[in-house]
Amino acid sequence: MTKLTLSTHPFLLGFDELERLVERTAKSGNDGYPPYNIEQTSETSFRITLAVAGFAEEDLSITLEDRQLVVRGRQSDDTQGRVFLHRGIAARQFQRAFVLAEGVEIAEASMENGLLHVDLNRSVPESVVHQIKIKKG
């Protein structure tokens, strides 16, 4: 017996791109840092909030790569000449990726109180009905 996938199911024609998207998302392997929230702010908008305490705006980059929102952070190491008795705040880099659906666009990004907010808007596609004529054979 063969395994049915999105691209081989008889009622789901042309969904092979979606299957590749799911595989790419599964392979992203985010380790949970930094923590984040995703909230729906209206019928057609979302907000991703990442906890980036200790990062300055210039330490962060936000890019859109092939429908994938990628947030990267890299802190400069300013620990030279300092002696820590305890070091619980690690200066580490991160990369967090979110796959965006077709029609989702980045509206803006802002930082407030150690939180990075990325606002997204989804355009609502028009409902279009096409009548297909049948040729006489």
N, C-alpha and C. Protein backbone atom coordinates (compact mmCIF):
# COMPACT_ATOMS: atom_id res chain seq x y z
N MET A 1 0.85 -1.19 0.00
CA MET A 1 0.00 0.00 0.00
C MET A 1 0.89 1.24 0.00
N THR A 2 0.54 2.23 -0.82
CA THR A 2 1.34 3.44 -0.90
C THR A 2 0.82 4.48 0.07
N LYS A 3 1.74 5.31 0.54
CA LYS A 3 1.40 6.37 1.49
C LYS A 3 0.85 7.57 0.73
N LEU A 4 -0.32 8.05 1.17
CA LEU A 4 -0.89 9.23 0.53
C LEU A 4 -0.29 10.48 1.15
N THR A 5 0.17 11.38 0.33
CA THR A 5 0.67 12.67 0.78
C THR A 5 -0.18 13.76 0.13
N LEU A 6 0.07 14.99 0.49
CA LEU A 6 -0.71 16.08 -0.09
C LEU A 6 -0.58 16.12 -1.61
N SER A 7 0.61 15.85 -2.11
CA SER A 7 0.81 15.95 -3.56
C SER A 7 0.29 14.74 -4.31
N THR A 8 -0.01 13.63 -3.61
CA THR A 8 -0.50 12.44 -4.31
C THR A 8 -1.97 12.14 -4.03
N HIS A 9 -2.59 12.88 -3.12
CA HIS A 9 -4.00 12.66 -2.82
C HIS A 9 -4.83 13.10 -4.02
N PRO A 10 -5.80 12.30 -4.46
CA PRO A 10 -6.53 12.62 -5.70
C PRO A 10 -7.39 13.88 -5.64
N PHE A 11 -7.76 14.35 -4.44
CA PHE A 11 -8.60 15.54 -4.35
C PHE A 11 -7.80 16.81 -4.05
N LEU A 12 -6.50 16.69 -3.84
CA LEU A 12 -5.66 17.84 -3.52
C LEU A 12 -4.63 18.03 -4.62
N LEU A 13 -5.06 18.61 -5.71
CA LEU A 13 -4.18 18.80 -6.86
C LEU A 13 -3.41 20.12 -6.72
N GLY A 14 -2.11 20.06 -6.95
CA GLY A 14 -1.29 21.27 -6.93
C GLY A 14 -0.86 21.71 -5.55
N PHE A 15 -0.93 20.84 -4.54
CA PHE A 15 -0.55 21.21 -3.18
C PHE A 15 0.85 20.73 -2.82
N ASP A 16 1.67 20.38 -3.81
CA ASP A 16 3.03 19.92 -3.52
C ASP A 16 3.86 21.02 -2.88
N GLU A 17 3.60 22.28 -3.21
CA GLU A 17 4.29 23.42 -2.57
C GLU A 17 3.99 23.45 -1.07
N LEU A 18 2.76 23.19 -0.70
CA LEU A 18 2.37 23.17 0.71
C LEU A 18 3.09 22.07 1.47
N GLU A 19 3.24 20.93 0.83
CA GLU A 19 3.96 19.82 1.46
C GLU A 19 5.42 20.19 1.70
N ARG A 20 6.06 20.83 0.74
CA ARG A 20 7.45 21.29 0.91
C ARG A 20 7.55 22.32 2.02
N LEU A 21 6.55 23.18 2.13
CA LEU A 21 6.51 24.20 3.17
C LEU A 21 6.42 23.57 4.56
N VAL A 22 5.61 22.53 4.71
CA VAL A 22 5.49 21.84 5.99
C VAL A 22 6.81 21.16 6.34
N GLU A 23 7.46 20.55 5.37
CA GLU A 23 8.75 19.91 5.61
C GLU A 23 9.80 20.93 6.03
N ARG A 24 9.82 22.08 5.37
CA ARG A 24 10.80 23.13 5.69
C ARG A 24 10.58 23.66 7.10
N THR A 25 9.32 23.81 7.49
CA THR A 25 9.00 24.28 8.83
C THR A 25 9.43 23.27 9.88
N ALA A 26 9.22 22.00 9.61
CA ALA A 26 9.60 20.96 10.57
C ALA A 26 11.11 20.89 10.75
N LYS A 27 11.86 21.22 9.71
CA LYS A 27 13.32 21.15 9.77
C LYS A 27 13.95 22.39 10.40
N SER A 28 13.16 23.44 10.65
CA SER A 28 13.75 24.68 11.15
C SER A 28 14.38 24.49 12.52
N GLY A 29 13.86 23.59 13.35
CA GLY A 29 14.50 23.20 14.60
C GLY A 29 14.78 24.33 15.56
N ASN A 30 13.84 25.23 15.76
CA ASN A 30 14.05 26.31 16.72
C ASN A 30 14.16 25.74 18.12
N ASP A 31 15.10 26.24 18.92
CA ASP A 31 15.36 25.67 20.24
C ASP A 31 14.56 26.32 21.36
N GLY A 32 13.63 27.18 21.05
CA GLY A 32 12.82 27.80 22.08
C GLY A 32 13.34 29.14 22.56
N TYR A 33 14.46 29.60 22.03
CA TYR A 33 15.01 30.89 22.42
C TYR A 33 15.06 31.80 21.21
N PRO A 34 14.61 32.98 21.30
CA PRO A 34 13.91 33.59 22.43
C PRO A 34 12.43 33.16 22.43
N PRO A 35 11.81 33.24 23.60
CA PRO A 35 10.39 32.91 23.64
C PRO A 35 9.59 33.94 22.85
N TYR A 36 8.43 33.51 22.35
CA TYR A 36 7.62 34.42 21.53
C TYR A 36 6.14 34.13 21.71
N ASN A 37 5.33 35.10 21.33
CA ASN A 37 3.88 34.98 21.27
C ASN A 37 3.44 35.31 19.86
N ILE A 38 2.35 34.69 19.45
CA ILE A 38 1.69 35.07 18.20
C ILE A 38 0.23 35.35 18.56
N GLU A 39 -0.21 36.56 18.29
CA GLU A 39 -1.60 36.90 18.61
C GLU A 39 -2.31 37.45 17.38
N GLN A 40 -3.59 37.18 17.31
CA GLN A 40 -4.41 37.73 16.24
C GLN A 40 -4.96 39.04 16.74
N THR A 41 -4.64 40.13 16.04
CA THR A 41 -5.05 41.46 16.49
C THR A 41 -6.32 41.95 15.80
N SER A 42 -6.68 41.33 14.68
CA SER A 42 -7.95 41.61 14.01
C SER A 42 -8.24 40.44 13.08
N GLU A 43 -9.29 40.57 12.30
CA GLU A 43 -9.65 39.49 11.36
C GLU A 43 -8.52 39.20 10.37
N THR A 44 -7.76 40.23 10.01
CA THR A 44 -6.74 40.06 8.96
C THR A 44 -5.35 40.47 9.41
N SER A 45 -5.11 40.59 10.71
CA SER A 45 -3.77 40.98 11.15
C SER A 45 -3.31 40.17 12.35
N PHE A 46 -2.00 40.02 12.44
CA PHE A 46 -1.36 39.25 13.50
C PHE A 46 -0.19 40.05 14.06
N ARG A 47 0.25 39.66 15.25
CA ARG A 47 1.45 40.27 15.84
C ARG A 47 2.29 39.15 16.43
N ILE A 48 3.56 39.13 16.03
CA ILE A 48 4.54 38.23 16.62
C ILE A 48 5.35 39.07 17.59
N THR A 49 5.45 38.61 18.84
CA THR A 49 6.21 39.33 19.86
C THR A 49 7.30 38.40 20.37
N LEU A 50 8.55 38.85 20.27
CA LEU A 50 9.69 38.08 20.76
C LEU A 50 10.30 38.80 21.96
N ALA A 51 10.64 38.03 23.00
CA ALA A 51 11.29 38.57 24.18
C ALA A 51 12.79 38.67 23.91
N VAL A 52 13.27 39.88 23.67
CA VAL A 52 14.66 40.09 23.28
C VAL A 52 15.35 41.04 24.27
N ALA A 53 15.11 40.83 25.55
CA ALA A 53 15.74 41.67 26.57
C ALA A 53 17.25 41.58 26.43
N GLY A 54 17.92 42.71 26.52
CA GLY A 54 19.37 42.76 26.41
C GLY A 54 19.86 43.02 25.00
N PHE A 55 18.99 42.94 24.02
CA PHE A 55 19.36 43.22 22.64
C PHE A 55 18.97 44.64 22.29
N ALA A 56 19.88 45.37 21.65
CA ALA A 56 19.57 46.70 21.14
C ALA A 56 19.01 46.54 19.73
N GLU A 57 18.38 47.58 19.22
CA GLU A 57 17.82 47.52 17.87
C GLU A 57 18.88 47.17 16.83
N GLU A 58 20.09 47.69 17.02
CA GLU A 58 21.16 47.41 16.05
C GLU A 58 21.69 45.98 16.16
N ASP A 59 21.34 45.26 17.22
CA ASP A 59 21.73 43.85 17.37
C ASP A 59 20.77 42.91 16.66
N LEU A 60 19.65 43.43 16.17
CA LEU A 60 18.60 42.60 15.58
C LEU A 60 18.48 42.87 14.09
N SER A 61 18.11 41.83 13.35
CA SER A 61 17.79 42.01 11.94
C SER A 61 16.55 41.20 11.62
N ILE A 62 15.69 41.77 10.79
CA ILE A 62 14.46 41.11 10.36
C ILE A 62 14.49 41.08 8.84
N THR A 63 14.39 39.88 8.28
CA THR A 63 14.40 39.74 6.83
C THR A 63 13.25 38.85 6.39
N LEU A 64 12.86 39.00 5.14
CA LEU A 64 11.87 38.14 4.52
C LEU A 64 12.58 37.38 3.42
N GLU A 65 12.69 36.07 3.58
CA GLU A 65 13.42 35.22 2.65
C GLU A 65 12.50 34.13 2.15
N ASP A 66 12.04 34.28 0.90
CA ASP A 66 11.21 33.24 0.28
C ASP A 66 10.02 32.89 1.16
N ARG A 67 9.20 33.91 1.49
CA ARG A 67 8.00 33.77 2.32
C ARG A 67 8.30 33.27 3.72
N GLN A 68 9.51 33.47 4.18
CA GLN A 68 9.89 33.08 5.53
C GLN A 68 10.43 34.31 6.25
N LEU A 69 9.76 34.68 7.35
CA LEU A 69 10.19 35.80 8.18
C LEU A 69 11.30 35.29 9.08
N VAL A 70 12.47 35.89 9.00
CA VAL A 70 13.62 35.45 9.79
C VAL A 70 14.07 36.59 10.68
N VAL A 71 14.09 36.34 11.99
CA VAL A 71 14.56 37.33 12.96
C VAL A 71 15.87 36.79 13.53
N ARG A 72 16.93 37.60 13.42
CA ARG A 72 18.24 37.20 13.93
C ARG A 72 18.69 38.21 14.98
N GLY A 73 19.38 37.71 15.98
CA GLY A 73 19.93 38.57 17.00
C GLY A 73 21.35 38.17 17.32
N ARG A 74 22.21 39.18 17.43
CA ARG A 74 23.61 38.93 17.79
C ARG A 74 24.07 40.06 18.69
N GLN A 75 24.40 39.70 19.94
CA GLN A 75 24.88 40.69 20.89
C GLN A 75 26.39 40.77 20.80
N SER A 76 26.90 41.98 20.94
CA SER A 76 28.35 42.14 20.97
C SER A 76 28.85 41.71 22.35
N ASP A 77 30.02 41.11 22.37
CA ASP A 77 30.59 40.61 23.62
C ASP A 77 31.40 41.72 24.28
N ASP A 78 30.84 42.32 25.31
CA ASP A 78 31.50 43.43 26.01
C ASP A 78 31.97 43.00 27.39
N THR A 79 32.41 41.75 27.51
CA THR A 79 32.78 41.22 28.82
C THR A 79 34.28 41.29 29.09
N GLN A 80 35.06 41.82 28.16
CA GLN A 80 36.50 41.89 28.38
C GLN A 80 36.81 42.80 29.55
N GLY A 81 37.67 42.33 30.42
CA GLY A 81 38.07 43.11 31.57
C GLY A 81 37.09 43.05 32.73
N ARG A 82 36.00 42.30 32.57
CA ARG A 82 35.01 42.18 33.64
C ARG A 82 35.15 40.82 34.31
N VAL A 83 34.96 40.77 35.62
CA VAL A 83 35.04 39.52 36.37
C VAL A 83 33.65 39.22 36.92
N PHE A 84 33.08 38.10 36.48
CA PHE A 84 31.74 37.70 36.93
C PHE A 84 31.86 36.73 38.09
N LEU A 85 31.16 36.98 39.15
CA LEU A 85 31.05 36.01 40.24
C LEU A 85 29.98 34.98 39.91
N HIS A 86 28.98 35.40 39.16
CA HIS A 86 27.95 34.51 38.63
C HIS A 86 27.52 35.08 37.29
N ARG A 87 27.39 34.23 36.29
CA ARG A 87 26.95 34.71 34.98
C ARG A 87 25.74 33.90 34.55
N GLY A 88 24.57 34.46 34.79
CA GLY A 88 23.32 33.80 34.44
C GLY A 88 22.67 34.40 33.20
N ILE A 89 23.15 35.55 32.77
CA ILE A 89 22.62 36.18 31.56
C ILE A 89 23.64 35.95 30.45
N ALA A 90 23.29 35.05 29.57
CA ALA A 90 24.21 34.70 28.49
C ALA A 90 24.00 35.63 27.30
N ALA A 91 25.08 36.12 26.75
CA ALA A 91 25.02 36.89 25.51
C ALA A 91 25.13 35.89 24.37
N ARG A 92 24.02 35.57 23.78
CA ARG A 92 24.05 34.56 22.72
C ARG A 92 23.29 35.06 21.52
N GLN A 93 23.58 34.44 20.42
CA GLN A 93 22.88 34.81 19.19
C GLN A 93 21.71 33.86 18.98
N PHE A 94 20.78 34.29 18.13
CA PHE A 94 19.63 33.44 17.84
C PHE A 94 19.16 33.69 16.43
N GLN A 95 18.39 32.74 15.95
CA GLN A 95 17.67 32.89 14.69
C GLN A 95 16.31 32.23 14.87
N ARG A 96 15.26 32.97 14.62
CA ARG A 96 13.89 32.46 14.76
C ARG A 96 13.20 32.69 13.42
N ALA A 97 12.60 31.64 12.86
CA ALA A 97 11.97 31.73 11.54
C ALA A 97 10.49 31.40 11.64
N PHE A 98 9.70 32.13 10.87
CA PHE A 98 8.26 31.93 10.77
C PHE A 98 7.90 31.87 9.29
N VAL A 99 7.21 30.83 8.87
CA VAL A 99 6.79 30.71 7.47
C VAL A 99 5.48 31.45 7.31
N LEU A 100 5.44 32.36 6.34
CA LEU A 100 4.26 33.18 6.10
C LEU A 100 3.46 32.63 4.92
N ALA A 101 2.16 32.65 5.05
CA ALA A 101 1.28 32.20 3.98
C ALA A 101 1.29 33.21 2.84
N GLU A 102 0.83 32.77 1.70
CA GLU A 102 0.68 33.64 0.55
C GLU A 102 -0.29 34.76 0.93
N GLY A 103 0.06 35.99 0.63
CA GLY A 103 -0.81 37.12 0.93
C GLY A 103 -0.56 37.77 2.28
N VAL A 104 0.35 37.22 3.09
CA VAL A 104 0.68 37.83 4.37
C VAL A 104 1.89 38.74 4.16
N GLU A 105 1.75 39.98 4.60
CA GLU A 105 2.81 40.96 4.43
C GLU A 105 3.20 41.56 5.77
N ILE A 106 4.45 41.97 5.88
CA ILE A 106 4.94 42.59 7.11
C ILE A 106 4.55 44.06 7.08
N ALA A 107 3.80 44.49 8.09
CA ALA A 107 3.36 45.88 8.16
C ALA A 107 4.44 46.75 8.79
N GLU A 108 4.92 46.34 9.99
CA GLU A 108 5.97 47.12 10.66
C GLU A 108 6.56 46.30 11.79
N ALA A 109 7.69 46.79 12.29
CA ALA A 109 8.35 46.18 13.45
C ALA A 109 8.70 47.29 14.43
N SER A 110 8.57 46.99 15.72
CA SER A 110 8.88 47.98 16.74
C SER A 110 9.42 47.28 17.98
N MET A 111 10.19 48.03 18.79
CA MET A 111 10.73 47.51 20.06
C MET A 111 10.17 48.34 21.19
N GLU A 112 9.78 47.63 22.28
CA GLU A 112 9.25 48.31 23.44
C GLU A 112 9.49 47.44 24.67
N ASN A 113 10.22 47.99 25.64
CA ASN A 113 10.48 47.30 26.92
C ASN A 113 11.06 45.89 26.75
N GLY A 114 12.01 45.73 25.85
CA GLY A 114 12.66 44.44 25.66
C GLY A 114 11.86 43.46 24.83
N LEU A 115 10.78 43.93 24.21
CA LEU A 115 9.95 43.09 23.36
C LEU A 115 10.00 43.61 21.93
N LEU A 116 10.24 42.70 20.99
CA LEU A 116 10.23 43.04 19.57
C LEU A 116 8.87 42.63 19.02
N HIS A 117 8.15 43.60 18.45
CA HIS A 117 6.83 43.34 17.87
C HIS A 117 6.95 43.40 16.35
N VAL A 118 6.45 42.38 15.67
CA VAL A 118 6.39 42.37 14.21
C VAL A 118 4.92 42.21 13.85
N ASP A 119 4.36 43.24 13.20
CA ASP A 119 2.95 43.22 12.82
C ASP A 119 2.81 42.75 11.38
N LEU A 120 1.85 41.85 11.18
CA LEU A 120 1.61 41.24 9.87
C LEU A 120 0.17 41.50 9.45
N ASN A 121 -0.03 41.71 8.16
CA ASN A 121 -1.37 41.87 7.60
C ASN A 121 -1.59 40.82 6.52
N ARG A 122 -2.80 40.26 6.53
CA ARG A 122 -3.16 39.28 5.51
C ARG A 122 -4.22 39.90 4.61
N SER A 123 -3.95 39.90 3.31
CA SER A 123 -4.95 40.41 2.38
C SER A 123 -6.01 39.33 2.16
N VAL A 124 -7.24 39.76 2.07
CA VAL A 124 -8.35 38.82 1.86
C VAL A 124 -8.56 38.68 0.36
N PRO A 125 -8.41 37.46 -0.15
CA PRO A 125 -8.59 37.28 -1.60
C PRO A 125 -10.06 37.46 -1.99
N GLU A 126 -10.24 37.98 -3.20
CA GLU A 126 -11.60 38.15 -3.71
C GLU A 126 -12.18 36.78 -4.05
N SER A 127 -13.46 36.64 -3.81
CA SER A 127 -14.13 35.41 -4.18
C SER A 127 -14.54 35.53 -5.65
N VAL A 128 -13.92 34.71 -6.49
CA VAL A 128 -14.15 34.79 -7.92
C VAL A 128 -14.74 33.47 -8.39
N VAL A 129 -15.81 33.57 -9.18
CA VAL A 129 -16.43 32.38 -9.76
C VAL A 129 -16.28 32.48 -11.27
N HIS A 130 -15.71 31.44 -11.86
CA HIS A 130 -15.54 31.38 -13.32
C HIS A 130 -16.46 30.30 -13.87
N GLN A 131 -17.19 30.64 -14.89
CA GLN A 131 -18.01 29.67 -15.58
C GLN A 131 -17.18 29.05 -16.69
N ILE A 132 -17.10 27.74 -16.72
CA ILE A 132 -16.32 27.02 -17.73
C ILE A 132 -17.28 26.45 -18.77
N LYS A 133 -17.05 26.83 -20.02
CA LYS A 133 -17.91 26.34 -21.12
C LYS A 133 -17.44 24.94 -21.51
N ILE A 134 -18.40 24.14 -21.87
CA ILE A 134 -18.11 22.78 -22.31
C ILE A 134 -18.24 22.77 -23.83
N LYS A 135 -17.17 22.32 -24.51
CA LYS A 135 -17.18 22.26 -25.96
C LYS A 135 -17.98 21.04 -26.42
N LYS A 136 -18.62 21.21 -27.54
CA LYS A 136 -19.33 20.07 -28.13
C LYS A 136 -18.32 19.20 -28.85
N GLY A 137 -18.39 17.91 -28.61
CA GLY A 137 -17.40 16.98 -29.12
C GLY A 137 -17.64 16.54 -30.48
